[in-house]
Amino acid sequence: MKGSFARLAANRFKTKHKEVPLSGESMVARLDEALAALDQPTMDGINTYFVSWAARQVGLKVALSGLGGDELFAG
């Protein structure tokens, strides 16, 4: 069932869909690299790093996250 909503949406809108499984072990193995990539302290920098990494694994060069999207409304 994991990823099924994303898969359904991709099928419905006829978009490409790729899944990149990420285990706890693989996250721990890349944690030093993720921390080195941070340019400032942040609450979700590690999440952003791994999502960006997964996007690059499937060939994407640009990904929009929506982070900061509420700034128009003063947070």
PDB file of N, CA and C in Angstrom:
ATOM      1  N   MET A   1       0.821  -1.198   0.000  1.00  0.00           N
ATOM      2  CA  MET A   1       0.000   0.000   0.000  1.00  0.00           C
ATOM      3  C   MET A   1       0.865   1.261   0.000  1.00  0.00           C
ATOM      4  N   LYS A   2       2.130   1.128   0.416  1.00  0.00           N
ATOM      5  CA  LYS A   2       3.010   2.284   0.466  1.00  0.00           C
ATOM      6  C   LYS A   2       3.125   2.915  -0.916  1.00  0.00           C
ATOM      7  N   GLY A   3       2.947   4.221  -0.994  1.00  0.00           N
ATOM      8  CA  GLY A   3       3.089   4.909  -2.258  1.00  0.00           C
ATOM      9  C   GLY A   3       1.889   4.773  -3.174  1.00  0.00           C
ATOM     10  N   SER A   4       0.850   4.108  -2.717  1.00  0.00           N
ATOM     11  CA  SER A   4      -0.271   3.844  -3.611  1.00  0.00           C
ATOM     12  C   SER A   4      -1.007   5.123  -4.022  1.00  0.00           C
ATOM     13  N   PHE A   5      -1.116   6.119  -3.154  1.00  0.00           N
ATOM     14  CA  PHE A   5      -1.792   7.360  -3.519  1.00  0.00           C
ATOM     15  C   PHE A   5      -1.000   8.109  -4.591  1.00  0.00           C
ATOM     16  N   ALA A   6       0.317   8.141  -4.450  1.00  0.00           N
ATOM     17  CA  ALA A   6       1.150   8.785  -5.461  1.00  0.00           C
ATOM     18  C   ALA A   6       1.035   8.035  -6.784  1.00  0.00           C
ATOM     19  N   ARG A   7       1.013   6.725  -6.719  1.00  0.00           N
ATOM     20  CA  ARG A   7       0.873   5.910  -7.919  1.00  0.00           C
ATOM     21  C   ARG A   7      -0.475   6.160  -8.592  1.00  0.00           C
ATOM     22  N   LEU A   8      -1.536   6.215  -7.786  1.00  0.00           N
ATOM     23  CA  LEU A   8      -2.870   6.490  -8.323  1.00  0.00           C
ATOM     24  C   LEU A   8      -2.927   7.863  -8.992  1.00  0.00           C
ATOM     25  N   ALA A   9      -2.356   8.866  -8.344  1.00  0.00           N
ATOM     26  CA  ALA A   9      -2.354  10.213  -8.913  1.00  0.00           C
ATOM     27  C   ALA A   9      -1.559  10.242 -10.215  1.00  0.00           C
ATOM     28  N   ALA A  10      -0.418   9.570 -10.256  1.00  0.00           N
ATOM     29  CA  ALA A  10       0.396   9.521 -11.472  1.00  0.00           C
ATOM     30  C   ALA A  10      -0.366   8.847 -12.605  1.00  0.00           C
ATOM     31  N   ASN A  11      -1.053   7.763 -12.288  1.00  0.00           N
ATOM     32  CA  ASN A  11      -1.854   7.081 -13.315  1.00  0.00           C
ATOM     33  C   ASN A  11      -2.990   7.970 -13.801  1.00  0.00           C
ATOM     34  N   ARG A  12      -3.653   8.620 -12.882  1.00  0.00           N
ATOM     35  CA  ARG A  12      -4.807   9.457 -13.220  1.00  0.00           C
ATOM     36  C   ARG A  12      -4.414  10.622 -14.125  1.00  0.00           C
ATOM     37  N   PHE A  13      -3.288  11.264 -13.798  1.00  0.00           N
ATOM     38  CA  PHE A  13      -2.865  12.439 -14.547  1.00  0.00           C
ATOM     39  C   PHE A  13      -1.817  12.123 -15.612  1.00  0.00           C
ATOM     40  N   LYS A  14      -1.555  10.811 -15.796  1.00  0.00           N
ATOM     41  CA  LYS A  14      -0.629  10.339 -16.837  1.00  0.00           C
ATOM     42  C   LYS A  14       0.748  10.996 -16.733  1.00  0.00           C
ATOM     43  N   THR A  15       1.285  10.994 -15.507  1.00  0.00           N
ATOM     44  CA  THR A  15       2.626  11.521 -15.274  1.00  0.00           C
ATOM     45  C   THR A  15       3.567  10.371 -14.972  1.00  0.00           C
ATOM     46  N   LYS A  16       4.847  10.641 -15.078  1.00  0.00           N
ATOM     47  CA  LYS A  16       5.850   9.632 -14.743  1.00  0.00           C
ATOM     48  C   LYS A  16       5.902   9.477 -13.230  1.00  0.00           C
ATOM     49  N   HIS A  17       6.071   8.266 -12.772  1.00  0.00           N
ATOM     50  CA  HIS A  17       6.136   7.999 -11.336  1.00  0.00           C
ATOM     51  C   HIS A  17       7.265   7.021 -11.078  1.00  0.00           C
ATOM     52  N   LYS A  18       8.173   7.393 -10.217  1.00  0.00           N
ATOM     53  CA  LYS A  18       9.266   6.501  -9.813  1.00  0.00           C
ATOM     54  C   LYS A  18       9.320   6.497  -8.302  1.00  0.00           C
ATOM     55  N   GLU A  19       9.576   5.345  -7.742  1.00  0.00           N
ATOM     56  CA  GLU A  19       9.717   5.211  -6.292  1.00  0.00           C
ATOM     57  C   GLU A  19      11.165   4.890  -5.965  1.00  0.00           C
ATOM     58  N   VAL A  20      11.690   5.577  -4.972  1.00  0.00           N
ATOM     59  CA  VAL A  20      13.057   5.344  -4.521  1.00  0.00           C
ATOM     60  C   VAL A  20      12.979   4.907  -3.064  1.00  0.00           C
ATOM     61  N   PRO A  21      13.077   3.601  -2.817  1.00  0.00           N
ATOM     62  CA  PRO A  21      13.019   3.131  -1.422  1.00  0.00           C
ATOM     63  C   PRO A  21      14.242   3.623  -0.643  1.00  0.00           C
ATOM     64  N   LEU A  22      14.014   3.998   0.590  1.00  0.00           N
ATOM     65  CA  LEU A  22      15.091   4.499   1.437  1.00  0.00           C
ATOM     66  C   LEU A  22      14.959   3.853   2.807  1.00  0.00           C
ATOM     67  N   SER A  23      15.899   3.007   3.126  1.00  0.00           N
ATOM     68  CA  SER A  23      15.857   2.311   4.416  1.00  0.00           C
ATOM     69  C   SER A  23      16.585   3.130   5.478  1.00  0.00           C
ATOM     70  N   GLY A  24      16.348   2.782   6.705  1.00  0.00           N
ATOM     71  CA  GLY A  24      17.047   3.442   7.810  1.00  0.00           C
ATOM     72  C   GLY A  24      18.550   3.264   7.708  1.00  0.00           C
ATOM     73  N   GLU A  25      18.969   2.086   7.275  1.00  0.00           N
ATOM     74  CA  GLU A  25      20.405   1.814   7.146  1.00  0.00           C
ATOM     75  C   GLU A  25      21.041   2.702   6.076  1.00  0.00           C
ATOM     76  N   SER A  26      20.342   2.885   4.954  1.00  0.00           N
ATOM     77  CA  SER A  26      20.924   3.717   3.895  1.00  0.00           C
ATOM     78  C   SER A  26      20.935   5.190   4.308  1.00  0.00           C
ATOM     79  N   MET A  27      19.970   5.601   5.118  1.00  0.00           N
ATOM     80  CA  MET A  27      19.982   6.980   5.622  1.00  0.00           C
ATOM     81  C   MET A  27      21.162   7.195   6.565  1.00  0.00           C
ATOM     82  N   VAL A  28      21.381   6.265   7.453  1.00  0.00           N
ATOM     83  CA  VAL A  28      22.499   6.381   8.394  1.00  0.00           C
ATOM     84  C   VAL A  28      23.824   6.398   7.636  1.00  0.00           C
ATOM     85  N   ALA A  29      23.920   5.588   6.581  1.00  0.00           N
ATOM     86  CA  ALA A  29      25.152   5.528   5.797  1.00  0.00           C
ATOM     87  C   ALA A  29      25.445   6.856   5.099  1.00  0.00           C
ATOM     88  N   ARG A  30      24.420   7.636   4.756  1.00  0.00           N
ATOM     89  CA  ARG A  30      24.605   8.902   4.052  1.00  0.00           C
ATOM     90  C   ARG A  30      24.479  10.110   4.973  1.00  0.00           C
ATOM     91  N   LEU A  31      24.313   9.891   6.267  1.00  0.00           N
ATOM     92  CA  LEU A  31      24.067  10.989   7.195  1.00  0.00           C
ATOM     93  C   LEU A  31      25.211  11.999   7.246  1.00  0.00           C
ATOM     94  N   ASP A  32      26.455  11.533   7.238  1.00  0.00           N
ATOM     95  CA  ASP A  32      27.592  12.463   7.250  1.00  0.00           C
ATOM     96  C   ASP A  32      27.562  13.374   6.024  1.00  0.00           C
ATOM     97  N   GLU A  33      27.253  12.789   4.879  1.00  0.00           N
ATOM     98  CA  GLU A  33      27.160  13.574   3.641  1.00  0.00           C
ATOM     99  C   GLU A  33      26.020  14.588   3.732  1.00  0.00           C
ATOM    100  N   ALA A  34      24.897  14.174   4.290  1.00  0.00           N
ATOM    101  CA  ALA A  34      23.745  15.064   4.425  1.00  0.00           C
ATOM    102  C   ALA A  34      24.078  16.231   5.354  1.00  0.00           C
ATOM    103  N   LEU A  35      24.707  15.946   6.471  1.00  0.00           N
ATOM    104  CA  LEU A  35      25.070  17.012   7.421  1.00  0.00           C
ATOM    105  C   LEU A  35      26.088  17.977   6.817  1.00  0.00           C
ATOM    106  N   ALA A  36      27.019  17.443   6.038  1.00  0.00           N
ATOM    107  CA  ALA A  36      28.027  18.298   5.401  1.00  0.00           C
ATOM    108  C   ALA A  36      27.387  19.223   4.363  1.00  0.00           C
ATOM    109  N   ALA A  37      26.267  18.835   3.809  1.00  0.00           N
ATOM    110  CA  ALA A  37      25.597  19.634   2.779  1.00  0.00           C
ATOM    111  C   ALA A  37      24.779  20.784   3.364  1.00  0.00           C
ATOM    112  N   LEU A  38      24.516  20.765   4.667  1.00  0.00           N
ATOM    113  CA  LEU A  38      23.714  21.828   5.280  1.00  0.00           C
ATOM    114  C   LEU A  38      24.518  23.118   5.350  1.00  0.00           C
ATOM    115  N   ASP A  39      23.913  24.212   4.912  1.00  0.00           N
ATOM    116  CA  ASP A  39      24.607  25.491   4.991  1.00  0.00           C
ATOM    117  C   ASP A  39      24.176  26.306   6.205  1.00  0.00           C
ATOM    118  N   GLN A  40      23.101  25.877   6.851  1.00  0.00           N
ATOM    119  CA  GLN A  40      22.639  26.543   8.069  1.00  0.00           C
ATOM    120  C   GLN A  40      21.784  25.566   8.866  1.00  0.00           C
ATOM    121  N   PRO A  41      21.685  25.779  10.161  1.00  0.00           N
ATOM    122  CA  PRO A  41      20.835  24.889  10.964  1.00  0.00           C
ATOM    123  C   PRO A  41      19.380  24.977  10.508  1.00  0.00           C
ATOM    124  N   THR A  42      18.726  23.864  10.443  1.00  0.00           N
ATOM    125  CA  THR A  42      17.344  23.840   9.998  1.00  0.00           C
ATOM    126  C   THR A  42      16.650  22.611  10.561  1.00  0.00           C
ATOM    127  N   MET A  43      15.350  22.702  10.733  1.00  0.00           N
ATOM    128  CA  MET A  43      14.592  21.574  11.278  1.00  0.00           C
ATOM    129  C   MET A  43      14.385  20.463  10.252  1.00  0.00           C
ATOM    130  N   ASP A  44      14.258  20.827   8.990  1.00  0.00           N
ATOM    131  CA  ASP A  44      13.951  19.797   8.004  1.00  0.00           C
ATOM    132  C   ASP A  44      15.003  19.687   6.907  1.00  0.00           C
ATOM    133  N   GLY A  45      16.206  20.136   7.176  1.00  0.00           N
ATOM    134  CA  GLY A  45      17.284  20.056   6.193  1.00  0.00           C
ATOM    135  C   GLY A  45      17.629  18.634   5.804  1.00  0.00           C
ATOM    136  N   ILE A  46      17.592  17.728   6.761  1.00  0.00           N
ATOM    137  CA  ILE A  46      17.903  16.322   6.464  1.00  0.00           C
ATOM    138  C   ILE A  46      16.831  15.747   5.543  1.00  0.00           C
ATOM    139  N   ASN A  47      15.558  16.045   5.833  1.00  0.00           N
ATOM    140  CA  ASN A  47      14.472  15.577   4.961  1.00  0.00           C
ATOM    141  C   ASN A  47      14.672  16.099   3.553  1.00  0.00           C
ATOM    142  N   THR A  48      14.948  17.403   3.441  1.00  0.00           N
ATOM    143  CA  THR A  48      15.132  18.027   2.131  1.00  0.00           C
ATOM    144  C   THR A  48      16.304  17.392   1.398  1.00  0.00           C
ATOM    145  N   TYR A  49      17.384  17.111   2.119  1.00  0.00           N
ATOM    146  CA  TYR A  49      18.546  16.473   1.504  1.00  0.00           C
ATOM    147  C   TYR A  49      18.156  15.131   0.887  1.00  0.00           C
ATOM    148  N   PHE A  50      17.470  14.286   1.644  1.00  0.00           N
ATOM    149  CA  PHE A  50      17.153  12.948   1.142  1.00  0.00           C
ATOM    150  C   PHE A  50      16.104  12.980   0.032  1.00  0.00           C
ATOM    151  N   VAL A  51      15.165  13.884   0.087  1.00  0.00           N
ATOM    152  CA  VAL A  51      14.201  14.018  -1.013  1.00  0.00           C
ATOM    153  C   VAL A  51      14.927  14.494  -2.266  1.00  0.00           C
ATOM    154  N   SER A  52      15.825  15.467  -2.121  1.00  0.00           N
ATOM    155  CA  SER A  52      16.601  15.961  -3.258  1.00  0.00           C
ATOM    156  C   SER A  52      17.494  14.863  -3.820  1.00  0.00           C
ATOM    157  N   TRP A  53      18.121  14.095  -2.947  1.00  0.00           N
ATOM    158  CA  TRP A  53      18.974  12.994  -3.369  1.00  0.00           C
ATOM    159  C   TRP A  53      18.160  11.971  -4.169  1.00  0.00           C
ATOM    160  N   ALA A  54      16.980  11.626  -3.666  1.00  0.00           N
ATOM    161  CA  ALA A  54      16.134  10.651  -4.361  1.00  0.00           C
ATOM    162  C   ALA A  54      15.692  11.192  -5.713  1.00  0.00           C
ATOM    163  N   ALA A  55      15.362  12.475  -5.773  1.00  0.00           N
ATOM    164  CA  ALA A  55      14.960  13.091  -7.041  1.00  0.00           C
ATOM    165  C   ALA A  55      16.094  13.000  -8.052  1.00  0.00           C
ATOM    166  N   ARG A  56      17.308  13.243  -7.606  1.00  0.00           N
ATOM    167  CA  ARG A  56      18.471  13.159  -8.506  1.00  0.00           C
ATOM    168  C   ARG A  56      18.708  11.727  -8.972  1.00  0.00           C
ATOM    169  N   GLN A  57      18.424  10.754  -8.120  1.00  0.00           N
ATOM    170  CA  GLN A  57      18.616   9.347  -8.487  1.00  0.00           C
ATOM    171  C   GLN A  57      17.737   8.939  -9.668  1.00  0.00           C
ATOM    172  N   VAL A  58      16.586   9.574  -9.813  1.00  0.00           N
ATOM    173  CA  VAL A  58      15.694   9.239 -10.919  1.00  0.00           C
ATOM    174  C   VAL A  58      15.859  10.193 -12.098  1.00  0.00           C
ATOM    175  N   GLY A  59      16.877  11.061 -12.045  1.00  0.00           N
ATOM    176  CA  GLY A  59      17.204  11.899 -13.180  1.00  0.00           C
ATOM    177  C   GLY A  59      16.683  13.324 -13.150  1.00  0.00           C
ATOM    178  N   LEU A  60      16.052  13.734 -12.067  1.00  0.00           N
ATOM    179  CA  LEU A  60      15.568  15.111 -11.978  1.00  0.00           C
ATOM    180  C   LEU A  60      16.715  16.055 -11.624  1.00  0.00           C
ATOM    181  N   LYS A  61      16.694  17.230 -12.196  1.00  0.00           N
ATOM    182  CA  LYS A  61      17.707  18.228 -11.868  1.00  0.00           C
ATOM    183  C   LYS A  61      17.123  19.368 -11.058  1.00  0.00           C
ATOM    184  N   VAL A  62      15.811  19.527 -11.118  1.00  0.00           N
ATOM    185  CA  VAL A  62      15.123  20.587 -10.383  1.00  0.00           C
ATOM    186  C   VAL A  62      13.895  19.986  -9.723  1.00  0.00           C
ATOM    187  N   ALA A  63      13.673  20.311  -8.464  1.00  0.00           N
ATOM    188  CA  ALA A  63      12.478  19.852  -7.755  1.00  0.00           C
ATOM    189  C   ALA A  63      11.980  20.988  -6.874  1.00  0.00           C
ATOM    190  N   LEU A  64      10.695  21.251  -6.917  1.00  0.00           N
ATOM    191  CA  LEU A  64      10.105  22.276  -6.068  1.00  0.00           C
ATOM    192  C   LEU A  64       9.499  21.597  -4.854  1.00  0.00           C
ATOM    193  N   SER A  65       9.799  22.106  -3.678  1.00  0.00           N
ATOM    194  CA  SER A  65       9.326  21.454  -2.457  1.00  0.00           C
ATOM    195  C   SER A  65       8.110  22.129  -1.837  1.00  0.00           C
ATOM    196  N   GLY A  66       7.919  23.388  -2.097  1.00  0.00           N
ATOM    197  CA  GLY A  66       6.848  24.121  -1.429  1.00  0.00           C
ATOM    198  C   GLY A  66       7.308  24.706  -0.103  1.00  0.00           C
ATOM    199  N   LEU A  67       8.534  24.425   0.296  1.00  0.00           N
ATOM    200  CA  LEU A  67       9.079  24.966   1.531  1.00  0.00           C
ATOM    201  C   LEU A  67       9.082  26.489   1.444  1.00  0.00           C
ATOM    202  N   GLY A  68       8.529  27.130   2.429  1.00  0.00           N
ATOM    203  CA  GLY A  68       8.443  28.576   2.439  1.00  0.00           C
ATOM    204  C   GLY A  68       7.215  29.099   1.719  1.00  0.00           C
ATOM    205  N   GLY A  69       6.366  28.204   1.248  1.00  0.00           N
ATOM    206  CA  GLY A  69       5.179  28.608   0.515  1.00  0.00           C
ATOM    207  C   GLY A  69       4.195  29.410   1.339  1.00  0.00           C
ATOM    208  N   ASP A  70       4.287  29.332   2.658  1.00  0.00           N
ATOM    209  CA  ASP A  70       3.376  30.091   3.515  1.00  0.00           C
ATOM    210  C   ASP A  70       3.918  31.489   3.832  1.00  0.00           C
ATOM    211  N   GLU A  71       5.082  31.828   3.322  1.00  0.00           N
ATOM    212  CA  GLU A  71       5.672  33.132   3.634  1.00  0.00           C
ATOM    213  C   GLU A  71       4.812  34.276   3.116  1.00  0.00           C
ATOM    214  N   LEU A  72       4.080  34.045   2.059  1.00  0.00           N
ATOM    215  CA  LEU A  72       3.166  35.062   1.548  1.00  0.00           C
ATOM    216  C   LEU A  72       2.153  35.475   2.607  1.00  0.00           C
ATOM    217  N   PHE A  73       1.854  34.524   3.514  1.00  0.00           N
ATOM    218  CA  PHE A  73       0.885  34.767   4.568  1.00  0.00           C
ATOM    219  C   PHE A  73       1.551  34.981   5.927  1.00  0.00           C
ATOM    220  N   ALA A  74       2.802  35.400   5.922  1.00  0.00           N
ATOM    221  CA  ALA A  74       3.586  35.692   7.138  1.00  0.00           C
ATOM    222  C   ALA A  74       3.750  34.468   8.018  1.00  0.00           C
ATOM    223  N   GLY A  75       3.985  33.334   7.400  1.00  0.00           N
ATOM    224  CA  GLY A  75       4.286  32.111   8.144  1.00  0.00           C
ATOM    225  C   GLY A  75       3.067  31.493   8.719  1.00  0.00           C
TER     226      GLY A  75
END
